[in-house]
Protein backbone atom coordinates (compact mmCIF):
# COMPACT_ATOMS: atom_id res chain seq x y z
CA MET A 1 197.88 115.68 238.62
CA PRO A 2 196.24 118.46 236.21
CA LYS A 3 194.96 117.73 232.62
CA ARG A 4 196.70 118.72 230.20
CA ALA A 5 195.11 121.65 228.15
CA ASN A 6 194.24 120.85 224.40
CA SER A 7 196.16 122.69 222.11
CA MET A 8 193.67 123.29 219.59
CA PRO A 9 189.44 123.45 221.06
CA LYS A 10 186.83 122.00 219.75
CA LEU A 11 185.76 124.66 218.05
CA GLU A 12 188.44 125.50 215.92
CA ILE A 13 188.71 122.08 214.78
CA PHE A 14 185.13 121.73 213.59
CA ASN A 15 185.62 124.96 211.63
CA SER A 16 189.06 123.61 209.95
CA LYS A 17 187.14 120.48 209.08
CA ILE A 18 184.57 122.56 207.18
CA ALA A 19 187.14 124.77 205.63
CA LEU A 20 188.76 121.65 204.30
CA LYS A 21 185.72 120.17 202.68
CA SER A 22 184.80 123.81 201.02
CA VAL A 23 188.47 123.44 199.75
CA ILE A 24 187.90 120.29 198.20
CA PHE A 25 184.28 120.81 197.22
CA ALA A 26 185.45 123.92 195.39
CA PHE A 27 188.36 122.21 193.46
CA ILE A 28 186.03 119.39 192.26
CA VAL A 29 183.78 121.99 191.03
CA SER A 30 186.30 123.63 188.93
CA LEU A 31 187.99 120.80 187.64
CA SER A 32 184.56 119.64 186.48
CA CYS A 33 183.88 122.93 184.71
CA SER A 34 186.87 122.67 182.83
CA MET A 35 186.13 118.85 182.07
CA LEU A 36 182.65 120.39 180.34
CA ALA A 37 184.45 122.80 178.41
CA LEU A 38 187.00 120.63 176.94
CA THR A 39 184.16 117.75 176.08
CA PRO A 40 182.09 118.53 172.52
CA SER A 41 178.45 119.24 172.59
CA SER A 42 176.22 116.64 170.92
CA ASP A 43 175.90 119.29 167.98
CA SER A 44 179.51 119.81 167.51
CA ILE A 45 179.77 115.65 167.13
CA THR A 46 177.07 115.51 164.93
CA LYS A 47 178.23 117.94 163.00
CA THR A 48 181.61 116.47 163.00
CA ILE A 49 179.80 112.79 161.88
CA GLN A 50 178.14 114.91 158.66
CA GLU A 51 181.31 116.63 157.92
CA GLU A 52 182.95 113.26 157.51
CA MET A 53 180.31 111.19 156.17
CA PRO A 54 181.37 112.46 152.19
CA ALA A 55 184.39 110.41 152.88
CA LEU A 56 183.01 107.33 153.87
CA GLU A 57 181.40 105.00 151.50
CA ILE A 58 178.22 103.07 153.12
CA ARG A 59 177.48 99.96 150.80
CA LYS A 60 174.32 99.59 149.45
CA PRO A 61 172.84 96.09 150.26
CA ARG A 62 173.53 94.09 146.90
CA LYS A 63 171.27 91.89 144.98
CA ILE A 64 172.57 88.82 144.12
CA ILE A 65 171.61 85.04 142.39
CA LEU A 66 174.59 82.49 142.55
CA CYS A 67 173.29 79.59 139.96
CA ASP A 68 174.52 76.40 139.14
CA ILE A 69 174.62 75.34 135.37
CA HIS A 70 174.32 71.79 134.88
CA GLU A 71 170.12 71.25 134.97
CA VAL A 72 169.77 74.74 135.76
CA LEU A 73 170.93 77.06 132.58
CA LEU A 74 171.94 73.79 130.30
CA GLY A 75 169.89 70.29 129.86
CA ASN A 76 171.36 67.10 128.57
CA PRO A 77 171.14 66.56 124.93
CA ARG A 78 170.88 62.94 122.75
CA PHE A 79 173.75 61.60 124.65
CA GLY A 80 175.29 59.04 121.69
CA LYS A 81 174.32 61.40 118.75
CA SER A 82 176.53 64.09 120.66
CA VAL A 83 179.44 61.75 121.12
CA LYS A 84 179.65 60.46 117.84
CA ALA A 85 179.62 63.82 116.17
CA ILE A 86 182.55 65.25 118.72
CA CYS A 87 184.45 61.95 118.04
CA LYS A 88 183.73 61.36 114.45
CA ASN A 89 187.48 61.94 113.10
CA ILE A 90 189.09 60.39 116.20
CA ARG A 91 188.97 56.13 116.80
CA MET A 92 187.92 56.79 120.89
CA VAL A 93 184.58 56.39 120.54
CA ARG A 94 183.84 53.12 121.95
CA ALA A 95 186.39 53.55 124.77
CA LEU A 96 185.31 57.17 125.85
CA LYS A 97 181.69 56.58 125.77
CA PRO A 98 181.55 54.95 129.56
CA ILE A 99 183.53 58.13 130.54
CA PHE A 100 180.58 60.46 128.93
CA LYS A 101 177.89 58.72 130.72
CA VAL A 102 179.65 59.41 133.57
CA LEU A 103 179.84 62.90 133.11
CA TRP A 104 176.49 63.19 131.31
CA ARG A 105 174.32 61.47 133.92
CA GLY A 106 176.27 63.67 136.79
CA LYS A 107 177.58 60.91 138.96
CA LEU A 108 180.92 62.39 139.53
CA ASP A 109 180.89 66.37 139.60
CA GLY A 110 184.70 67.73 138.43
CA VAL A 111 185.49 64.37 136.88
CA SER A 112 186.46 66.18 133.68
CA GLY A 113 188.42 68.41 135.05
CA GLN A 114 190.38 65.47 136.27
CA LEU A 115 190.57 63.66 133.08
CA ILE A 116 191.71 67.04 131.15
CA LYS A 117 194.52 66.80 134.00
CA THR A 118 195.36 63.27 133.13
CA SER A 119 195.49 64.42 129.54
CA ARG A 120 198.28 66.82 130.27
CA LYS A 121 200.27 64.55 132.33
CA VAL A 122 199.97 61.56 129.42
CA ASN A 123 200.62 64.56 126.39
CA CYS A 124 197.28 63.68 124.99
CA PRO A 125 196.02 67.10 123.61
CA GLU A 126 193.25 65.22 122.06
CA LEU A 127 191.42 63.69 125.01
CA LYS A 128 191.22 67.32 126.71
CA ASP A 129 190.07 68.72 123.47
CA ILE A 130 187.22 66.05 123.28
CA LEU A 131 186.35 67.08 127.33
CA VAL A 132 186.11 70.79 126.82
CA ARG A 133 183.97 70.44 123.89
CA PHE A 134 182.09 67.94 125.15
CA GLU A 135 181.45 69.84 128.74
CA ALA A 136 180.60 73.24 126.59
CA THR A 137 178.58 71.95 123.02
CA THR A 138 176.99 68.66 124.25
CA ARG A 139 173.77 70.70 126.29
CA SER A 140 171.04 72.85 125.08
CA ALA A 141 170.10 76.34 126.86
CA TYR A 142 167.07 76.21 129.01
CA ASN A 143 165.17 79.12 126.89
CA ASP A 144 162.64 80.01 129.64
CA VAL A 145 165.21 80.08 132.82
CA ILE A 146 167.91 82.48 130.84
CA MET A 147 164.53 84.99 130.00
CA ARG A 148 163.89 85.17 133.49
CA LEU A 149 167.49 85.97 134.47
CA ARG A 150 167.41 88.30 131.99
CA GLN A 151 164.25 90.36 133.57
CA LEU A 152 166.52 89.95 136.98
CA ARG A 153 169.01 91.22 135.40
CA ASP A 154 167.13 94.37 134.19
CA GLN A 155 166.53 94.42 137.71
CA ASP A 156 169.65 94.93 138.85
CA TYR A 157 170.44 91.29 140.42
CA GLU A 158 173.82 90.58 140.07
CA LEU A 159 174.52 87.10 138.36
CA ILE A 160 177.14 84.62 139.67
CA ILE A 161 178.18 81.29 138.30
CA ALA A 162 178.16 78.18 141.51
CA SER A 163 179.43 75.13 139.78
CA ASN A 164 182.08 72.45 139.95
CA ILE A 165 182.48 72.70 136.27
CA ALA A 166 186.27 72.44 135.55
CA ASP A 167 187.56 76.45 135.15
CA VAL A 168 188.84 75.34 131.68
CA SER A 169 185.74 74.27 130.40
CA PHE A 170 183.45 77.51 131.68
CA GLN A 171 186.00 79.47 129.78
CA THR A 172 184.98 78.29 126.67
CA PHE A 173 181.56 79.62 127.32
CA LEU A 174 183.39 83.33 127.51
CA ASP A 175 185.47 82.72 124.68
CA PRO A 176 184.18 84.94 121.72
CA GLY A 177 186.05 83.22 119.29
CA SER A 178 184.63 79.51 120.34
CA LYS A 179 181.57 77.42 119.58
CA ALA A 180 180.06 77.11 122.99
CA HIS A 181 179.86 81.07 123.16
CA LYS A 182 178.28 81.18 120.09
CA ARG A 183 175.61 78.53 121.16
CA PHE A 184 175.44 80.25 124.62
CA PRO A 185 176.26 83.84 124.25
CA PHE A 186 174.15 84.57 127.45
CA PHE A 187 176.99 83.54 129.88
CA ARG A 188 179.18 86.45 128.52
CA GLU A 189 176.22 88.42 128.87
CA LEU A 190 174.22 87.93 132.11
CA PHE A 191 177.43 86.72 134.37
CA THR A 192 179.67 88.87 136.39
CA GLY A 193 181.92 88.76 139.13
CA ILE A 194 184.47 85.61 139.92
CA PRO A 195 182.77 82.35 139.07
CA GLY A 196 183.13 79.46 141.37
CA THR A 197 184.58 76.84 139.39
CA ILE A 198 187.27 74.17 139.87
CA ASP A 199 190.96 74.53 138.88
CA PRO A 200 192.08 71.25 136.73
CA ASP A 201 195.25 71.40 138.28
CA ASN A 202 194.03 71.62 142.01
CA ALA A 203 191.14 69.54 141.12
CA GLN A 204 191.78 66.99 144.68
CA LYS A 205 192.84 69.58 146.84
CA ALA A 206 189.86 72.09 145.30
CA ILE A 207 186.61 72.74 147.94
CA ARG A 208 183.40 71.47 145.74
CA LYS A 209 179.63 71.40 146.61
CA PRO A 210 178.13 70.34 149.03
CA ASN A 211 180.81 71.33 151.18
CA PRO A 212 179.72 74.87 152.96
CA GLU A 213 182.86 76.12 152.76
CA TYR A 214 182.74 76.34 149.06
CA PHE A 215 179.88 78.77 149.73
CA THR A 216 181.97 80.61 152.01
CA LYS A 217 185.03 81.02 149.75
CA LEU A 218 182.49 82.13 146.57
CA MET A 219 181.10 85.05 148.88
CA LEU A 220 184.08 85.83 150.25
CA ALA A 221 185.94 86.38 146.66
CA ASN A 222 182.59 88.47 145.21
CA ASN A 223 182.50 90.72 148.91
CA ILE A 224 179.29 89.24 149.56
CA ASN A 225 177.75 89.68 152.75
CA PRO A 226 175.11 87.29 153.19
CA HIS A 227 173.69 88.59 156.61
CA THR A 228 173.30 92.24 154.92
CA ASP A 229 172.88 91.35 150.83
CA GLN A 230 170.15 89.76 149.53
CA VAL A 231 171.74 86.20 148.18
CA PHE A 232 169.60 83.45 146.55
CA PHE A 233 171.01 80.61 144.89
CA ILE A 234 169.55 78.28 142.46
CA ASP A 235 170.63 74.28 141.75
CA ASP A 236 169.16 70.96 140.95
CA LYS A 237 170.68 69.09 143.84
CA GLN A 238 169.32 69.39 147.40
CA CYS A 239 172.70 68.58 149.34
CA ASN A 240 173.96 71.78 147.31
CA LEU A 241 170.87 73.83 148.79
CA ASP A 242 171.84 72.45 152.58
CA ALA A 243 175.24 73.93 152.26
CA ALA A 244 174.15 77.03 150.97
CA LYS A 245 172.09 77.40 154.42
CA ASP A 246 174.84 76.53 156.36
CA ALA A 247 177.09 79.08 154.53
CA GLY A 248 174.30 81.38 155.62
CA ILE A 249 172.47 82.00 152.58
CA PRO A 250 168.37 82.00 153.97
CA GLU A 251 166.24 78.88 153.43
CA GLU A 252 163.56 80.85 151.53
CA ASN A 253 166.60 82.06 149.15
CA CYS A 254 167.30 78.42 148.02
CA ILE A 255 165.60 77.18 145.11
CA LEU A 256 165.77 73.72 143.97
CA ALA A 257 165.27 72.98 140.12
CA ARG A 258 163.80 70.02 138.98
CA SER A 259 163.36 70.95 135.34
CA GLU A 260 163.30 73.84 133.09
CA LYS A 261 159.43 74.27 133.18
CA ASP A 262 159.68 74.26 136.85
CA LEU A 263 162.41 76.44 138.09
CA ALA A 264 160.97 78.81 135.16
CA GLY A 265 157.89 78.80 137.40
CA LYS A 266 159.93 79.42 140.37
CA LEU A 267 161.32 82.30 139.52
CA GLU A 268 158.53 84.08 137.94
CA ARG A 269 156.59 83.64 141.53
CA GLN A 270 159.28 84.22 144.03
CA PHE A 271 160.21 87.57 141.84
CA SER A 272 157.24 88.56 140.65
CA LEU A 273 158.35 88.92 137.18
CA ASP A 274 155.97 89.44 133.63
CA SER A 275 154.86 86.22 132.24
CA ILE A 276 156.84 85.23 129.12
CA GLN A 277 155.22 83.26 126.60
CA ASP A 278 156.48 80.84 123.56
CA ASN A 279 160.00 83.14 123.71
CA LYS A 280 162.90 80.83 121.68
CA THR A 281 165.33 83.71 121.15
CA CYS A 282 167.82 81.78 123.56
CA GLN A 283 168.17 78.82 121.96
CA PRO A 284 170.62 79.18 119.19
CA THR A 285 171.28 76.97 115.81
CA ILE A 286 173.42 74.10 116.44
CA ALA A 287 176.38 74.38 113.75
């Protein structure tokens, strides 16, 4: 039986394949050119970014110092004399003296806030008044430290309070009509931002130092980024400095205050400040 002849010679099949490939190649080239025409050039991208830049607010890195209060800004006075001066018209001196000793020694952070809250519950405004005045008026300013903080403020450093002090006590420093403000006007003068103080009404649930979350919340409240901003922390307790490190503040920026003279010297060296000799302008006369 004779073999059936092919309907399409092999040469024609070969030519058809070449033609098909040519058509596909031409289509791909055409599509690529169209896409390139639609894609903006690098020059146009740069121009677009430059046009949009004024609308974008790029925040400049800030310089921030977080400060504790007790044994950093204020020191302890003569204990017995202060208590008697506050309680001179109230028959509570003997009963309250042990409580004040605890406050004075700093063994229970925030205890004054707890006692103020208790005084509200038992309707004892005298106790609240005593505690607030004790916190606010029985200490003396660390003059040399305050002067160096003034120098840093003049160099665009932001100063923010980071303390376990009760908020009601801290507000007495800011009240223009209070004795505490008259004695320590630098609180209102130097410090800005949202202070890290404790609300007496929520004292039991409050997050305090040395919990690292205390610093996280404080920085979040003040829009501080420890990775881009230059953040320092000053405290008299090593455990609080360790917590600040855990929250992202660099170890070299955590400053331990051992005394007024020690802290003033550390600030002078770390920030290359001009030396201040025999400046006594910070300490007001005690009424």
